[in-house]
């Protein structure tokens, strides 16, 4: 059996890519949640303060 240092590097790289993708998804989720919260807060404030 020949040793393949390449394989280990590839696996490490794949793990890092997977971790990066997960972090990206987390950032996107947090950003979208924050946007939704800000939008609903703004909407509620506007509804409360508009002269009807």
N, C-alpha and C. Protein backbone atom coordinates (compact mmCIF):
# COMPACT_ATOMS: atom_id res chain seq x y z
N UNK A 1 0.83 -1.21 0.00
CA UNK A 1 0.00 0.00 0.00
C UNK A 1 0.87 1.26 0.00
N UNK A 2 0.62 2.10 -0.94
CA UNK A 2 1.37 3.36 -1.01
C UNK A 2 0.64 4.42 -0.19
N UNK A 3 1.43 5.25 0.44
CA UNK A 3 0.83 6.34 1.21
C UNK A 3 0.45 7.47 0.26
N UNK A 4 -0.67 8.08 0.49
CA UNK A 4 -1.11 9.19 -0.36
C UNK A 4 -1.31 10.44 0.50
N UNK A 5 -0.29 11.31 0.56
CA UNK A 5 -0.45 12.55 1.33
C UNK A 5 -1.50 13.47 0.73
N UNK A 6 -1.70 13.30 -0.57
CA UNK A 6 -2.69 14.09 -1.29
C UNK A 6 -4.08 13.93 -0.69
N UNK A 7 -4.40 12.68 -0.39
CA UNK A 7 -5.74 12.36 0.09
C UNK A 7 -6.08 13.12 1.37
N UNK A 8 -5.12 13.13 2.27
CA UNK A 8 -5.34 13.81 3.56
C UNK A 8 -5.55 15.31 3.33
N UNK A 9 -4.73 15.89 2.46
CA UNK A 9 -4.88 17.32 2.15
C UNK A 9 -6.25 17.61 1.56
N UNK A 10 -6.67 16.74 0.64
CA UNK A 10 -7.97 16.95 0.01
C UNK A 10 -9.08 16.90 1.04
N UNK A 11 -8.97 15.95 1.96
CA UNK A 11 -10.03 15.82 2.97
C UNK A 11 -10.06 17.04 3.87
N UNK A 12 -8.87 17.54 4.22
CA UNK A 12 -8.80 18.72 5.07
C UNK A 12 -9.40 19.92 4.35
N UNK A 13 -9.07 20.04 3.06
CA UNK A 13 -9.61 21.14 2.26
C UNK A 13 -11.12 21.04 2.16
N UNK A 14 -11.62 19.82 1.94
CA UNK A 14 -13.07 19.62 1.84
C UNK A 14 -13.75 20.00 3.16
N UNK A 15 -13.12 19.64 4.27
CA UNK A 15 -13.69 19.97 5.58
C UNK A 15 -13.74 21.49 5.76
N UNK A 16 -12.67 22.16 5.32
CA UNK A 16 -12.65 23.62 5.47
C UNK A 16 -13.71 24.27 4.60
N UNK A 17 -13.86 23.76 3.38
CA UNK A 17 -14.88 24.30 2.48
C UNK A 17 -16.27 24.10 3.08
N UNK A 18 -16.48 22.90 3.64
CA UNK A 18 -17.78 22.60 4.25
C UNK A 18 -18.03 23.56 5.42
N UNK A 19 -17.00 23.78 6.24
CA UNK A 19 -17.14 24.68 7.39
C UNK A 19 -17.43 26.10 6.92
N UNK A 20 -16.72 26.53 5.85
CA UNK A 20 -16.96 27.87 5.31
C UNK A 20 -18.39 28.00 4.81
N UNK A 21 -18.87 26.96 4.14
CA UNK A 21 -20.22 27.02 3.60
C UNK A 21 -21.23 27.10 4.74
N UNK A 22 -20.99 26.32 5.81
CA UNK A 22 -21.89 26.34 6.95
C UNK A 22 -21.90 27.73 7.59
N UNK A 23 -20.71 28.32 7.73
CA UNK A 23 -20.61 29.66 8.30
C UNK A 23 -21.35 30.67 7.42
N UNK A 24 -21.22 30.51 6.11
CA UNK A 24 -21.91 31.40 5.20
C UNK A 24 -23.41 31.29 5.33
N UNK A 25 -23.88 30.05 5.46
CA UNK A 25 -25.33 29.85 5.64
C UNK A 25 -25.81 30.48 6.93
N UNK A 26 -24.99 30.33 7.99
CA UNK A 26 -25.35 30.91 9.30
C UNK A 26 -25.44 32.43 9.19
N UNK A 27 -24.45 33.03 8.54
CA UNK A 27 -24.45 34.49 8.36
C UNK A 27 -25.68 34.94 7.58
N UNK A 28 -25.99 34.19 6.51
CA UNK A 28 -27.16 34.54 5.71
C UNK A 28 -28.44 34.44 6.54
N UNK A 29 -28.54 33.37 7.34
CA UNK A 29 -29.73 33.18 8.16
C UNK A 29 -29.88 34.31 9.18
N UNK A 30 -28.78 34.66 9.82
CA UNK A 30 -28.81 35.74 10.82
C UNK A 30 -29.18 37.06 10.15
N UNK A 31 -28.58 37.31 8.98
CA UNK A 31 -28.86 38.56 8.27
C UNK A 31 -30.33 38.64 7.86
N UNK A 32 -30.87 37.55 7.35
CA UNK A 32 -32.27 37.57 6.92
C UNK A 32 -33.20 37.73 8.12
N UNK A 33 -32.85 37.07 9.23
CA UNK A 33 -33.67 37.20 10.44
C UNK A 33 -33.63 38.64 10.96
N UNK A 34 -32.44 39.23 10.95
CA UNK A 34 -32.31 40.62 11.41
C UNK A 34 -33.10 41.56 10.50
N UNK A 35 -33.03 41.32 9.21
CA UNK A 35 -33.77 42.16 8.26
C UNK A 35 -35.27 42.04 8.50
N UNK A 36 -35.74 40.81 8.69
CA UNK A 36 -37.16 40.60 8.94
C UNK A 36 -37.60 41.29 10.22
N UNK A 37 -36.78 41.16 11.26
CA UNK A 37 -37.10 41.79 12.55
C UNK A 37 -37.15 43.31 12.40
N UNK A 38 -36.13 43.86 11.73
CA UNK A 38 -36.09 45.31 11.54
C UNK A 38 -37.29 45.78 10.72
N UNK A 39 -37.63 45.04 9.68
CA UNK A 39 -38.76 45.42 8.83
C UNK A 39 -40.06 45.42 9.63
N UNK A 40 -40.28 44.35 10.39
CA UNK A 40 -41.52 44.27 11.15
C UNK A 40 -41.57 45.34 12.25
N UNK A 41 -40.43 45.61 12.87
CA UNK A 41 -40.37 46.65 13.90
C UNK A 41 -40.69 48.01 13.28
N UNK A 42 -40.08 48.29 12.15
CA UNK A 42 -40.31 49.55 11.45
C UNK A 42 -41.77 49.69 11.05
N UNK A 43 -42.33 48.59 10.55
CA UNK A 43 -43.73 48.59 10.13
C UNK A 43 -44.64 48.86 11.34
N UNK A 44 -44.37 48.19 12.45
CA UNK A 44 -45.18 48.38 13.65
C UNK A 44 -45.08 49.82 14.14
N UNK A 45 -43.85 50.37 14.13
CA UNK A 45 -43.66 51.74 14.58
C UNK A 45 -44.43 52.70 13.66
N UNK A 46 -44.34 52.47 12.35
CA UNK A 46 -45.02 53.33 11.39
C UNK A 46 -46.53 53.26 11.59
N UNK A 47 -47.05 52.05 11.79
CA UNK A 47 -48.49 51.89 12.01
C UNK A 47 -48.93 52.59 13.28
N UNK A 48 -48.08 52.55 14.30
CA UNK A 48 -48.43 53.15 15.59
C UNK A 48 -48.37 54.68 15.52
N UNK A 49 -47.45 55.22 14.70
CA UNK A 49 -47.23 56.66 14.72
C UNK A 49 -47.87 57.41 13.57
N UNK A 50 -48.42 56.71 12.60
CA UNK A 50 -49.07 57.41 11.52
C UNK A 50 -50.41 58.00 12.00
N UNK A 51 -50.71 59.21 11.59
CA UNK A 51 -51.99 59.80 11.95
C UNK A 51 -53.12 59.19 11.12
N UNK A 52 -53.93 58.39 11.74
CA UNK A 52 -55.01 57.73 11.00
C UNK A 52 -56.25 58.61 10.95
